[in-house]
């Protein structure tokens, strides 16, 4: 199984979410529209991380399990956000306080599975 595309897109997504959220929150006290700064920088950081994963990092077999863990984190946050947005009764239960631990658990599971079945990831 070639997991390179899934890992590259997932790492790009996770990096975008982390950088955009961090910059938006850090600049919120100083800049009124901090998302205007945070989102483009997050997009650039995500693109750089995805390209680096696709071209360089995936070639290192030892880097694959952590990359899969980071990708799983990004996908899990995206799924939690999609569920919160599309299923109105879940909005009271699904938020940042529940999505991040869920995503962290998914990342740990993906890392451990990637380490356990390293010979199947190509």
PDB file of N, CA and C in Angstrom:
ATOM      1  N   UNK A   1       0.836  -1.178   0.000  1.00  0.00           N
ATOM      2  CA  UNK A   1       0.000   0.000   0.000  1.00  0.00           C
ATOM      3  C   UNK A   1       0.884   1.245   0.000  1.00  0.00           C
ATOM      4  N   UNK A   2       0.570   2.176  -0.876  1.00  0.00           N
ATOM      5  CA  UNK A   2       1.315   3.422  -0.931  1.00  0.00           C
ATOM      6  C   UNK A   2       0.535   4.496  -0.188  1.00  0.00           C
ATOM      7  N   UNK A   3       0.999   4.832   0.985  1.00  0.00           N
ATOM      8  CA  UNK A   3       0.317   5.812   1.826  1.00  0.00           C
ATOM      9  C   UNK A   3       0.905   7.207   1.673  1.00  0.00           C
ATOM     10  N   UNK A   4       1.805   7.389   0.723  1.00  0.00           N
ATOM     11  CA  UNK A   4       2.447   8.694   0.561  1.00  0.00           C
ATOM     12  C   UNK A   4       1.449   9.820   0.298  1.00  0.00           C
ATOM     13  N   UNK A   5       0.478   9.665  -0.631  1.00  0.00           N
ATOM     14  CA  UNK A   5      -0.467  10.777  -0.846  1.00  0.00           C
ATOM     15  C   UNK A   5      -1.305  11.097   0.388  1.00  0.00           C
ATOM     16  N   UNK A   6      -1.778  10.073   1.067  1.00  0.00           N
ATOM     17  CA  UNK A   6      -2.586  10.304   2.271  1.00  0.00           C
ATOM     18  C   UNK A   6      -1.763  10.987   3.355  1.00  0.00           C
ATOM     19  N   UNK A   7      -0.512  10.581   3.495  1.00  0.00           N
ATOM     20  CA  UNK A   7       0.349  11.199   4.507  1.00  0.00           C
ATOM     21  C   UNK A   7       0.670  12.641   4.148  1.00  0.00           C
ATOM     22  N   UNK A   8       0.980  12.902   2.888  1.00  0.00           N
ATOM     23  CA  UNK A   8       1.339  14.264   2.484  1.00  0.00           C
ATOM     24  C   UNK A   8       0.165  15.224   2.661  1.00  0.00           C
ATOM     25  N   UNK A   9      -1.020  14.814   2.249  1.00  0.00           N
ATOM     26  CA  UNK A   9      -2.196  15.679   2.396  1.00  0.00           C
ATOM     27  C   UNK A   9      -2.552  15.848   3.868  1.00  0.00           C
ATOM     28  N   UNK A  10      -2.469  14.769   4.637  1.00  0.00           N
ATOM     29  CA  UNK A  10      -2.785  14.855   6.058  1.00  0.00           C
ATOM     30  C   UNK A  10      -1.808  15.716   6.833  1.00  0.00           C
ATOM     31  N   UNK A  11      -0.528  15.607   6.521  1.00  0.00           N
ATOM     32  CA  UNK A  11       0.475  16.450   7.183  1.00  0.00           C
ATOM     33  C   UNK A  11       0.257  17.911   6.800  1.00  0.00           C
ATOM     34  N   UNK A  12      -0.056  18.159   5.535  1.00  0.00           N
ATOM     35  CA  UNK A  12      -0.340  19.532   5.110  1.00  0.00           C
ATOM     36  C   UNK A  12      -1.553  20.087   5.852  1.00  0.00           C
ATOM     37  N   UNK A  13      -2.589  19.278   5.985  1.00  0.00           N
ATOM     38  CA  UNK A  13      -3.798  19.708   6.690  1.00  0.00           C
ATOM     39  C   UNK A  13      -3.515  19.992   8.163  1.00  0.00           C
ATOM     40  N   UNK A  14      -2.815  19.077   8.815  1.00  0.00           N
ATOM     41  CA  UNK A  14      -2.505  19.263  10.236  1.00  0.00           C
ATOM     42  C   UNK A  14      -1.634  20.495  10.456  1.00  0.00           C
ATOM     43  N   UNK A  15      -0.660  20.706   9.582  1.00  0.00           N
ATOM     44  CA  UNK A  15       0.208  21.876   9.713  1.00  0.00           C
ATOM     45  C   UNK A  15      -0.577  23.161   9.489  1.00  0.00           C
ATOM     46  N   UNK A  16      -1.430  23.164   8.471  1.00  0.00           N
ATOM     47  CA  UNK A  16      -2.266  24.339   8.223  1.00  0.00           C
ATOM     48  C   UNK A  16      -3.123  24.670   9.435  1.00  0.00           C
ATOM     49  N   UNK A  17      -3.793  23.660   9.982  1.00  0.00           N
ATOM     50  CA  UNK A  17      -4.669  23.897  11.130  1.00  0.00           C
ATOM     51  C   UNK A  17      -3.892  24.412  12.338  1.00  0.00           C
ATOM     52  N   UNK A  18      -2.748  23.806  12.613  1.00  0.00           N
ATOM     53  CA  UNK A  18      -1.967  24.203  13.789  1.00  0.00           C
ATOM     54  C   UNK A  18      -1.408  25.616  13.646  1.00  0.00           C
ATOM     55  N   UNK A  19      -0.800  25.913  12.508  1.00  0.00           N
ATOM     56  CA  UNK A  19      -0.180  27.229  12.318  1.00  0.00           C
ATOM     57  C   UNK A  19      -1.242  28.324  12.249  1.00  0.00           C
ATOM     58  N   UNK A  20      -2.316  28.077  11.512  1.00  0.00           N
ATOM     59  CA  UNK A  20      -3.368  29.092  11.391  1.00  0.00           C
ATOM     60  C   UNK A  20      -4.019  29.374  12.742  1.00  0.00           C
ATOM     61  N   UNK A  21      -4.325  28.333  13.492  1.00  0.00           N
ATOM     62  CA  UNK A  21      -4.957  28.536  14.801  1.00  0.00           C
ATOM     63  C   UNK A  21      -4.004  29.234  15.766  1.00  0.00           C
ATOM     64  N   UNK A  22      -2.751  28.821  15.778  1.00  0.00           N
ATOM     65  CA  UNK A  22      -1.776  29.429  16.687  1.00  0.00           C
ATOM     66  C   UNK A  22      -1.565  30.912  16.377  1.00  0.00           C
ATOM     67  N   UNK A  23      -1.342  31.232  15.114  1.00  0.00           N
ATOM     68  CA  UNK A  23      -1.119  32.634  14.760  1.00  0.00           C
ATOM     69  C   UNK A  23      -2.363  33.486  14.974  1.00  0.00           C
ATOM     70  N   UNK A  24      -3.517  32.951  14.641  1.00  0.00           N
ATOM     71  CA  UNK A  24      -4.753  33.709  14.837  1.00  0.00           C
ATOM     72  C   UNK A  24      -4.968  34.026  16.308  1.00  0.00           C
ATOM     73  N   UNK A  25      -4.720  33.060  17.167  1.00  0.00           N
ATOM     74  CA  UNK A  25      -4.897  33.295  18.604  1.00  0.00           C
ATOM     75  C   UNK A  25      -3.822  34.216  19.175  1.00  0.00           C
ATOM     76  N   UNK A  26      -2.589  34.056  18.728  1.00  0.00           N
ATOM     77  CA  UNK A  26      -1.517  34.909  19.247  1.00  0.00           C
ATOM     78  C   UNK A  26      -1.674  36.365  18.819  1.00  0.00           C
ATOM     79  N   UNK A  27      -2.189  36.576  17.622  1.00  0.00           N
ATOM     80  CA  UNK A  27      -2.328  37.938  17.113  1.00  0.00           C
ATOM     81  C   UNK A  27      -3.675  38.569  17.439  1.00  0.00           C
ATOM     82  N   UNK A  28      -4.577  37.835  18.044  1.00  0.00           N
ATOM     83  CA  UNK A  28      -5.928  38.346  18.290  1.00  0.00           C
ATOM     84  C   UNK A  28      -5.929  39.582  19.185  1.00  0.00           C
ATOM     85  N   UNK A  29      -5.021  39.672  20.119  1.00  0.00           N
ATOM     86  CA  UNK A  29      -4.983  40.820  21.022  1.00  0.00           C
ATOM     87  C   UNK A  29      -4.395  42.062  20.352  1.00  0.00           C
ATOM     88  N   UNK A  30      -3.617  41.875  19.291  1.00  0.00           N
ATOM     89  CA  UNK A  30      -2.935  43.005  18.662  1.00  0.00           C
ATOM     90  C   UNK A  30      -3.576  43.442  17.351  1.00  0.00           C
ATOM     91  N   UNK A  31      -4.132  42.489  16.623  1.00  0.00           N
ATOM     92  CA  UNK A  31      -4.696  42.783  15.305  1.00  0.00           C
ATOM     93  C   UNK A  31      -6.170  42.411  15.329  1.00  0.00           C
ATOM     94  N   UNK A  32      -7.016  43.310  14.856  1.00  0.00           N
ATOM     95  CA  UNK A  32      -8.462  43.059  14.900  1.00  0.00           C
ATOM     96  C   UNK A  32      -8.850  41.865  14.036  1.00  0.00           C
ATOM     97  N   UNK A  33      -8.312  41.784  12.846  1.00  0.00           N
ATOM     98  CA  UNK A  33      -8.638  40.686  11.940  1.00  0.00           C
ATOM     99  C   UNK A  33      -7.431  39.754  11.834  1.00  0.00           C
ATOM    100  N   UNK A  34      -7.124  39.082  12.920  1.00  0.00           N
ATOM    101  CA  UNK A  34      -5.926  38.244  12.973  1.00  0.00           C
ATOM    102  C   UNK A  34      -6.014  37.042  12.047  1.00  0.00           C
ATOM    103  N   UNK A  35      -7.218  36.621  11.688  1.00  0.00           N
ATOM    104  CA  UNK A  35      -7.357  35.484  10.772  1.00  0.00           C
ATOM    105  C   UNK A  35      -6.847  35.832   9.379  1.00  0.00           C
ATOM    106  N   UNK A  36      -6.883  37.117   9.022  1.00  0.00           N
ATOM    107  CA  UNK A  36      -6.369  37.532   7.719  1.00  0.00           C
ATOM    108  C   UNK A  36      -4.865  37.290   7.641  1.00  0.00           C
ATOM    109  N   UNK A  37      -4.187  37.330   8.748  1.00  0.00           N
ATOM    110  CA  UNK A  37      -2.755  37.043   8.790  1.00  0.00           C
ATOM    111  C   UNK A  37      -2.523  35.551   9.002  1.00  0.00           C
ATOM    112  N   UNK A  38      -3.273  34.934   9.913  1.00  0.00           N
ATOM    113  CA  UNK A  38      -3.034  33.544  10.285  1.00  0.00           C
ATOM    114  C   UNK A  38      -3.358  32.539   9.198  1.00  0.00           C
ATOM    115  N   UNK A  39      -4.448  32.738   8.478  1.00  0.00           N
ATOM    116  CA  UNK A  39      -4.853  31.759   7.463  1.00  0.00           C
ATOM    117  C   UNK A  39      -3.884  31.657   6.283  1.00  0.00           C
ATOM    118  N   UNK A  40      -3.445  32.772   5.680  1.00  0.00           N
ATOM    119  CA  UNK A  40      -2.489  32.619   4.577  1.00  0.00           C
ATOM    120  C   UNK A  40      -1.146  32.029   5.011  1.00  0.00           C
ATOM    121  N   UNK A  41      -0.673  32.422   6.179  1.00  0.00           N
ATOM    122  CA  UNK A  41       0.594  31.859   6.657  1.00  0.00           C
ATOM    123  C   UNK A  41       0.423  30.375   6.962  1.00  0.00           C
ATOM    124  N   UNK A  42      -0.713  30.001   7.533  1.00  0.00           N
ATOM    125  CA  UNK A  42      -0.998  28.588   7.757  1.00  0.00           C
ATOM    126  C   UNK A  42      -1.075  27.810   6.460  1.00  0.00           C
ATOM    127  N   UNK A  43      -1.671  28.419   5.435  1.00  0.00           N
ATOM    128  CA  UNK A  43      -1.759  27.770   4.128  1.00  0.00           C
ATOM    129  C   UNK A  43      -0.376  27.549   3.528  1.00  0.00           C
ATOM    130  N   UNK A  44       0.486  28.549   3.630  1.00  0.00           N
ATOM    131  CA  UNK A  44       1.856  28.393   3.127  1.00  0.00           C
ATOM    132  C   UNK A  44       2.626  27.334   3.907  1.00  0.00           C
ATOM    133  N   UNK A  45       2.480  27.337   5.220  1.00  0.00           N
ATOM    134  CA  UNK A  45       3.173  26.336   6.038  1.00  0.00           C
ATOM    135  C   UNK A  45       2.653  24.936   5.728  1.00  0.00           C
ATOM    136  N   UNK A  46       1.344  24.798   5.549  1.00  0.00           N
ATOM    137  CA  UNK A  46       0.772  23.501   5.208  1.00  0.00           C
ATOM    138  C   UNK A  46       1.251  23.003   3.858  1.00  0.00           C
ATOM    139  N   UNK A  47       1.298  23.902   2.879  1.00  0.00           N
ATOM    140  CA  UNK A  47       1.792  23.513   1.555  1.00  0.00           C
ATOM    141  C   UNK A  47       3.254  23.086   1.622  1.00  0.00           C
ATOM    142  N   UNK A  48       4.057  23.824   2.368  1.00  0.00           N
ATOM    143  CA  UNK A  48       5.476  23.466   2.502  1.00  0.00           C
ATOM    144  C   UNK A  48       5.639  22.117   3.191  1.00  0.00           C
ATOM    145  N   UNK A  49       4.851  21.869   4.232  1.00  0.00           N
ATOM    146  CA  UNK A  49       4.949  20.587   4.938  1.00  0.00           C
ATOM    147  C   UNK A  49       4.483  19.436   4.058  1.00  0.00           C
ATOM    148  N   UNK A  50       3.423  19.643   3.297  1.00  0.00           N
ATOM    149  CA  UNK A  50       2.939  18.595   2.400  1.00  0.00           C
ATOM    150  C   UNK A  50       3.935  18.271   1.303  1.00  0.00           C
ATOM    151  N   UNK A  51       4.524  19.305   0.726  1.00  0.00           N
ATOM    152  CA  UNK A  51       5.525  19.089  -0.322  1.00  0.00           C
ATOM    153  C   UNK A  51       6.762  18.408   0.250  1.00  0.00           C
ATOM    154  N   UNK A  52       7.196  18.824   1.427  1.00  0.00           N
ATOM    155  CA  UNK A  52       8.361  18.189   2.054  1.00  0.00           C
ATOM    156  C   UNK A  52       8.080  16.727   2.372  1.00  0.00           C
ATOM    157  N   UNK A  53       6.868  16.437   2.809  1.00  0.00           N
ATOM    158  CA  UNK A  53       6.512  15.046   3.087  1.00  0.00           C
ATOM    159  C   UNK A  53       6.534  14.232   1.807  1.00  0.00           C
ATOM    160  N   UNK A  54       5.956  14.766   0.750  1.00  0.00           N
ATOM    161  CA  UNK A  54       5.863  14.034  -0.512  1.00  0.00           C
ATOM    162  C   UNK A  54       7.245  13.802  -1.118  1.00  0.00           C
ATOM    163  N   UNK A  55       8.089  14.833  -1.121  1.00  0.00           N
ATOM    164  CA  UNK A  55       9.350  14.736  -1.852  1.00  0.00           C
ATOM    165  C   UNK A  55      10.507  14.165  -1.046  1.00  0.00           C
ATOM    166  N   UNK A  56      10.616  14.510   0.227  1.00  0.00           N
ATOM    167  CA  UNK A  56      11.801  14.135   0.993  1.00  0.00           C
ATOM    168  C   UNK A  56      11.536  13.190   2.156  1.00  0.00           C
ATOM    169  N   UNK A  57      10.607  13.550   3.001  1.00  0.00           N
ATOM    170  CA  UNK A  57      10.461  12.841   4.272  1.00  0.00           C
ATOM    171  C   UNK A  57       9.962  11.417   4.104  1.00  0.00           C
ATOM    172  N   UNK A  58       9.111  11.160   3.128  1.00  0.00           N
ATOM    173  CA  UNK A  58       8.566   9.821   2.959  1.00  0.00           C
ATOM    174  C   UNK A  58       9.645   8.824   2.540  1.00  0.00           C
ATOM    175  N   UNK A  59      10.736   9.299   1.988  1.00  0.00           N
ATOM    176  CA  UNK A  59      11.827   8.414   1.571  1.00  0.00           C
ATOM    177  C   UNK A  59      12.554   7.798   2.762  1.00  0.00           C
ATOM    178  N   UNK A  60      12.401   8.385   3.938  1.00  0.00           N
ATOM    179  CA  UNK A  60      13.039   7.852   5.142  1.00  0.00           C
ATOM    180  C   UNK A  60      12.069   6.902   5.846  1.00  0.00           C
ATOM    181  N   UNK A  61      12.353   5.608   5.871  1.00  0.00           N
ATOM    182  CA  UNK A  61      11.417   4.666   6.500  1.00  0.00           C
ATOM    183  C   UNK A  61      11.155   4.954   7.978  1.00  0.00           C
ATOM    184  N   UNK A  62      12.134   5.501   8.685  1.00  0.00           N
ATOM    185  CA  UNK A  62      11.932   5.807  10.111  1.00  0.00           C
ATOM    186  C   UNK A  62      10.985   6.982  10.317  1.00  0.00           C
ATOM    187  N   UNK A  63      10.819   7.823   9.301  1.00  0.00           N
ATOM    188  CA  UNK A  63       9.951   8.997   9.433  1.00  0.00           C
ATOM    189  C   UNK A  63       8.497   8.683   9.126  1.00  0.00           C
ATOM    190  N   UNK A  64       8.215   7.536   8.538  1.00  0.00           N
ATOM    191  CA  UNK A  64       6.847   7.241   8.106  1.00  0.00           C
ATOM    192  C   UNK A  64       5.843   7.119   9.245  1.00  0.00           C
ATOM    193  N   UNK A  65       6.126   6.395  10.331  1.00  0.00           N
ATOM    194  CA  UNK A  65       5.123   6.342  11.411  1.00  0.00           C
ATOM    195  C   UNK A  65       4.782   7.704  12.016  1.00  0.00           C
ATOM    196  N   UNK A  66       5.763   8.574  12.312  1.00  0.00           N
ATOM    197  CA  UNK A  66       5.367   9.898  12.816  1.00  0.00           C
ATOM    198  C   UNK A  66       4.579  10.715  11.793  1.00  0.00           C
ATOM    199  N   UNK A  67       4.941  10.587  10.516  1.00  0.00           N
ATOM    200  CA  UNK A  67       4.194  11.308   9.489  1.00  0.00           C
ATOM    201  C   UNK A  67       2.751  10.828   9.423  1.00  0.00           C
ATOM    202  N   UNK A  68       2.555   9.525   9.532  1.00  0.00           N
ATOM    203  CA  UNK A  68       1.192   8.992   9.530  1.00  0.00           C
ATOM    204  C   UNK A  68       0.426   9.442  10.765  1.00  0.00           C
ATOM    205  N   UNK A  69       1.104   9.559  11.898  1.00  0.00           N
ATOM    206  CA  UNK A  69       0.450  10.055  13.105  1.00  0.00           C
ATOM    207  C   UNK A  69       0.005  11.501  12.961  1.00  0.00           C
ATOM    208  N   UNK A  70       0.872  12.338  12.408  1.00  0.00           N
ATOM    209  CA  UNK A  70       0.512  13.744  12.193  1.00  0.00           C
ATOM    210  C   UNK A  70      -0.632  13.848  11.192  1.00  0.00           C
ATOM    211  N   UNK A  71      -0.575  13.036  10.137  1.00  0.00           N
ATOM    212  CA  UNK A  71      -1.654  13.043   9.145  1.00  0.00           C
ATOM    213  C   UNK A  71      -2.975  12.609   9.766  1.00  0.00           C
ATOM    214  N   UNK A  72      -2.933  11.596  10.603  1.00  0.00           N
ATOM    215  CA  UNK A  72      -4.161  11.137  11.262  1.00  0.00           C
ATOM    216  C   UNK A  72      -4.736  12.224  12.156  1.00  0.00           C
ATOM    217  N   UNK A  73      -3.880  12.988  12.803  1.00  0.00           N
ATOM    218  CA  UNK A  73      -4.355  14.107  13.622  1.00  0.00           C
ATOM    219  C   UNK A  73      -5.123  15.109  12.765  1.00  0.00           C
ATOM    220  N   UNK A  74      -4.567  15.470  11.630  1.00  0.00           N
ATOM    221  CA  UNK A  74      -5.235  16.424  10.745  1.00  0.00           C
ATOM    222  C   UNK A  74      -6.565  15.914  10.238  1.00  0.00           C
ATOM    223  N   UNK A  75      -6.595  14.650   9.811  1.00  0.00           N
ATOM    224  CA  UNK A  75      -7.850  14.075   9.321  1.00  0.00           C
ATOM    225  C   UNK A  75      -8.891  13.973  10.431  1.00  0.00           C
ATOM    226  N   UNK A  76      -8.471  13.632  11.632  1.00  0.00           N
ATOM    227  CA  UNK A  76      -9.423  13.488  12.740  1.00  0.00           C
ATOM    228  C   UNK A  76     -10.026  14.832  13.129  1.00  0.00           C
ATOM    229  N   UNK A  77      -9.231  15.889  13.129  1.00  0.00           N
ATOM    230  CA  UNK A  77      -9.772  17.220  13.417  1.00  0.00           C
ATOM    231  C   UNK A  77     -10.752  17.631  12.325  1.00  0.00           C
ATOM    232  N   UNK A  78     -10.423  17.317  11.079  1.00  0.00           N
ATOM    233  CA  UNK A  78     -11.326  17.633   9.972  1.00  0.00           C
ATOM    234  C   UNK A  78     -12.647  16.879  10.099  1.00  0.00           C
ATOM    235  N   UNK A  79     -12.588  15.607  10.459  1.00  0.00           N
ATOM    236  CA  UNK A  79     -13.811  14.815  10.643  1.00  0.00           C
ATOM    237  C   UNK A  79     -14.639  15.370  11.795  1.00  0.00           C
ATOM    238  N   UNK A  80     -13.998  15.710  12.891  1.00  0.00           N
ATOM    239  CA  UNK A  80     -14.736  16.269  14.028  1.00  0.00           C
ATOM    240  C   UNK A  80     -15.400  17.592  13.657  1.00  0.00           C
ATOM    241  N   UNK A  81     -14.704  18.425  12.907  1.00  0.00           N
ATOM    242  CA  UNK A  81     -15.298  19.693  12.473  1.00  0.00           C
ATOM    243  C   UNK A  81     -16.455  19.452  11.517  1.00  0.00           C
ATOM    244  N   UNK A  82     -16.305  18.478  10.627  1.00  0.00           N
ATOM    245  CA  UNK A  82     -17.386  18.170   9.689  1.00  0.00           C
ATOM    246  C   UNK A  82     -18.613  17.631  10.408  1.00  0.00           C
ATOM    247  N   UNK A  83     -18.401  16.773  11.392  1.00  0.00           N
ATOM    248  CA  UNK A  83     -19.532  16.242  12.163  1.00  0.00           C
ATOM    249  C   UNK A  83     -20.217  17.363  12.928  1.00  0.00           C
ATOM    250  N   UNK A  84     -19.450  18.224  13.531  1.00  0.00           N
ATOM    251  CA  UNK A  84     -20.026  19.339  14.286  1.00  0.00           C
ATOM    252  C   UNK A  84     -20.817  20.276  13.375  1.00  0.00           C
ATOM    253  N   UNK A  85     -20.357  20.455  12.164  1.00  0.00           N
ATOM    254  CA  UNK A  85     -21.018  21.370  11.239  1.00  0.00           C
ATOM    255  C   UNK A  85     -22.266  20.756  10.610  1.00  0.00           C
ATOM    256  N   UNK A  86     -22.199  19.475  10.252  1.00  0.00           N
ATOM    257  CA  UNK A  86     -23.300  18.873   9.497  1.00  0.00           C
ATOM    258  C   UNK A  86     -24.372  18.227  10.351  1.00  0.00           C
ATOM    259  N   UNK A  87     -24.059  17.877  11.588  1.00  0.00           N
ATOM    260  CA  UNK A  87     -25.041  17.233  12.467  1.00  0.00           C
ATOM    261  C   UNK A  87     -25.313  18.182  13.637  1.00  0.00           C
ATOM    262  N   UNK A  88     -26.346  19.009  13.528  1.00  0.00           N
ATOM    263  CA  UNK A  88     -26.591  20.028  14.560  1.00  0.00           C
ATOM    264  C   UNK A  88     -26.713  19.498  15.991  1.00  0.00           C
ATOM    265  N   UNK A  89     -27.311  18.327  16.244  1.00  0.00           N
ATOM    266  CA  UNK A  89     -27.391  17.881  17.643  1.00  0.00           C
ATOM    267  C   UNK A  89     -26.035  17.604  18.297  1.00  0.00           C
ATOM    268  N   UNK A  90     -24.990  17.425  17.504  1.00  0.00           N
ATOM    269  CA  UNK A  90     -23.671  17.137  18.083  1.00  0.00           C
ATOM    270  C   UNK A  90     -22.895  18.390  18.452  1.00  0.00           C
ATOM    271  N   UNK A  91     -23.396  19.549  18.117  1.00  0.00           N
ATOM    272  CA  UNK A  91     -22.643  20.783  18.365  1.00  0.00           C
ATOM    273  C   UNK A  91     -22.376  21.029  19.838  1.00  0.00           C
ATOM    274  N   UNK A  92     -23.238  20.531  20.694  1.00  0.00           N
ATOM    275  CA  UNK A  92     -23.001  20.680  22.122  1.00  0.00           C
ATOM    276  C   UNK A  92     -21.932  19.743  22.654  1.00  0.00           C
ATOM    277  N   UNK A  93     -21.651  18.681  21.903  1.00  0.00           N
ATOM    278  CA  UNK A  93     -20.688  17.675  22.353  1.00  0.00           C
ATOM    279  C   UNK A  93     -19.346  17.775  21.644  1.00  0.00           C
ATOM    280  N   UNK A  94     -19.357  18.205  20.399  1.00  0.00           N
ATOM    281  CA  UNK A  94     -18.131  18.241  19.603  1.00  0.00           C
ATOM    282  C   UNK A  94     -17.632  19.677  19.541  1.00  0.00           C
ATOM    283  N   UNK A  95     -16.486  19.886  20.120  1.00  0.00           N
ATOM    284  CA  UNK A  95     -15.837  21.197  20.113  1.00  0.00           C
ATOM    285  C   UNK A  95     -14.341  20.997  20.164  1.00  0.00           C
ATOM    286  N   UNK A  96     -13.632  22.071  20.334  1.00  0.00           N
ATOM    287  CA  UNK A  96     -12.172  21.975  20.412  1.00  0.00           C
ATOM    288  C   UNK A  96     -11.754  21.115  21.595  1.00  0.00           C
ATOM    289  N   UNK A  97     -12.497  21.231  22.700  1.00  0.00           N
ATOM    290  CA  UNK A  97     -12.136  20.477  23.902  1.00  0.00           C
ATOM    291  C   UNK A  97     -12.318  18.976  23.739  1.00  0.00           C
ATOM    292  N   UNK A  98     -13.132  18.526  22.805  1.00  0.00           N
ATOM    293  CA  UNK A  98     -13.285  17.090  22.554  1.00  0.00           C
ATOM    294  C   UNK A  98     -12.599  16.650  21.263  1.00  0.00           C
ATOM    295  N   UNK A  99     -12.493  17.551  20.284  1.00  0.00           N
ATOM    296  CA  UNK A  99     -11.896  17.179  19.001  1.00  0.00           C
ATOM    297  C   UNK A  99     -10.392  16.955  19.112  1.00  0.00           C
ATOM    298  N   UNK A 100      -9.708  17.784  19.886  1.00  0.00           N
ATOM    299  CA  UNK A 100      -8.250  17.656  19.990  1.00  0.00           C
ATOM    300  C   UNK A 100      -7.838  16.366  20.703  1.00  0.00           C
ATOM    301  N   UNK A 101      -8.451  15.991  21.833  1.00  0.00           N
ATOM    302  CA  UNK A 101      -8.090  14.692  22.422  1.00  0.00           C
ATOM    303  C   UNK A 101      -8.439  13.507  21.514  1.00  0.00           C
ATOM    304  N   UNK A 102      -9.574  13.597  20.820  1.00  0.00           N
ATOM    305  CA  UNK A 102      -9.936  12.546  19.862  1.00  0.00           C
ATOM    306  C   UNK A 102      -8.879  12.442  18.768  1.00  0.00           C
ATOM    307  N   UNK A 103      -8.458  13.583  18.234  1.00  0.00           N
ATOM    308  CA  UNK A 103      -7.443  13.589  17.185  1.00  0.00           C
ATOM    309  C   UNK A 103      -6.096  13.091  17.704  1.00  0.00           C
ATOM    310  N   UNK A 104      -5.758  13.439  18.931  1.00  0.00           N
ATOM    311  CA  UNK A 104      -4.499  12.953  19.512  1.00  0.00           C
ATOM    312  C   UNK A 104      -4.527  11.439  19.673  1.00  0.00           C
ATOM    313  N   UNK A 105      -5.657  10.903  20.090  1.00  0.00           N
ATOM    314  CA  UNK A 105      -5.793   9.447  20.187  1.00  0.00           C
ATOM    315  C   UNK A 105      -5.651   8.780  18.832  1.00  0.00           C
ATOM    316  N   UNK A 106      -6.262   9.367  17.809  1.00  0.00           N
ATOM    317  CA  UNK A 106      -6.124   8.828  16.454  1.00  0.00           C
ATOM    318  C   UNK A 106      -4.676   8.890  15.983  1.00  0.00           C
ATOM    319  N   UNK A 107      -3.978   9.961  16.331  1.00  0.00           N
ATOM    320  CA  UNK A 107      -2.578  10.101  15.938  1.00  0.00           C
ATOM    321  C   UNK A 107      -1.709   9.033  16.588  1.00  0.00           C
ATOM    322  N   UNK A 108      -1.950   8.765  17.855  1.00  0.00           N
ATOM    323  CA  UNK A 108      -1.174   7.734  18.555  1.00  0.00           C
ATOM    324  C   UNK A 108      -1.439   6.362  17.945  1.00  0.00           C
ATOM    325  N   UNK A 109      -2.699   6.069  17.660  1.00  0.00           N
ATOM    326  CA  UNK A 109      -3.041   4.775  17.056  1.00  0.00           C
ATOM    327  C   UNK A 109      -2.392   4.642  15.682  1.00  0.00           C
ATOM    328  N   UNK A 110      -2.448   5.689  14.861  1.00  0.00           N
ATOM    329  CA  UNK A 110      -1.833   5.629  13.535  1.00  0.00           C
ATOM    330  C   UNK A 110      -0.320   5.467  13.636  1.00  0.00           C
ATOM    331  N   UNK A 111       0.299   6.158  14.584  1.00  0.00           N
ATOM    332  CA  UNK A 111       1.741   6.012  14.782  1.00  0.00           C
ATOM    333  C   UNK A 111       2.097   4.580  15.166  1.00  0.00           C
ATOM    334  N   UNK A 112       1.361   4.025  16.121  1.00  0.00           N
ATOM    335  CA  UNK A 112       1.656   2.663  16.572  1.00  0.00           C
ATOM    336  C   UNK A 112       1.410   1.639  15.472  1.00  0.00           C
ATOM    337  N   UNK A 113       0.341   1.807  14.711  1.00  0.00           N
ATOM    338  CA  UNK A 113       0.084   0.890  13.597  1.00  0.00           C
ATOM    339  C   UNK A 113       1.147   1.036  12.513  1.00  0.00           C
ATOM    340  N   UNK A 114       1.573   2.264  12.259  1.00  0.00           N
ATOM    341  CA  UNK A 114       2.630   2.477  11.279  1.00  0.00           C
ATOM    342  C   UNK A 114       3.947   1.868  11.706  1.00  0.00           C
ATOM    343  N   UNK A 115       4.218   1.910  12.989  1.00  0.00           N
ATOM    344  CA  UNK A 115       5.444   1.290  13.494  1.00  0.00           C
ATOM    345  C   UNK A 115       5.351  -0.227  13.476  1.00  0.00           C
ATOM    346  N   UNK A 116       4.172  -0.750  13.796  1.00  0.00           N
ATOM    347  CA  UNK A 116       3.985  -2.199  13.860  1.00  0.00           C
ATOM    348  C   UNK A 116       4.027  -2.836  12.474  1.00  0.00           C
ATOM    349  N   UNK A 117       3.403  -2.175  11.504  1.00  0.00           N
ATOM    350  CA  UNK A 117       3.314  -2.724  10.149  1.00  0.00           C
ATOM    351  C   UNK A 117       4.150  -1.904   9.172  1.00  0.00           C
ATOM    352  N   UNK A 118       5.361  -1.584   9.556  1.00  0.00           N
ATOM    353  CA  UNK A 118       6.234  -0.751   8.725  1.00  0.00           C
ATOM    354  C   UNK A 118       6.554  -1.402   7.386  1.00  0.00           C
ATOM    355  N   UNK A 119       6.575  -2.724   7.345  1.00  0.00           N
ATOM    356  CA  UNK A 119       6.891  -3.412   6.095  1.00  0.00           C
ATOM    357  C   UNK A 119       5.769  -3.302   5.070  1.00  0.00           C
ATOM    358  N   UNK A 120       4.557  -2.989   5.490  1.00  0.00           N
ATOM    359  CA  UNK A 120       3.422  -2.875   4.573  1.00  0.00           C
ATOM    360  C   UNK A 120       3.226  -1.462   4.036  1.00  0.00           C
ATOM    361  N   UNK A 121       3.924  -0.510   4.610  1.00  0.00           N
ATOM    362  CA  UNK A 121       3.780   0.883   4.189  1.00  0.00           C
ATOM    363  C   UNK A 121       4.897   1.177   3.202  1.00  0.00           C
ATOM    364  N   UNK A 122       4.527   1.562   1.996  1.00  0.00           N
ATOM    365  CA  UNK A 122       5.554   1.757   0.982  1.00  0.00           C
ATOM    366  C   UNK A 122       5.552   3.049   0.327  1.00  0.00           C
TER     367      UNK A 122
END
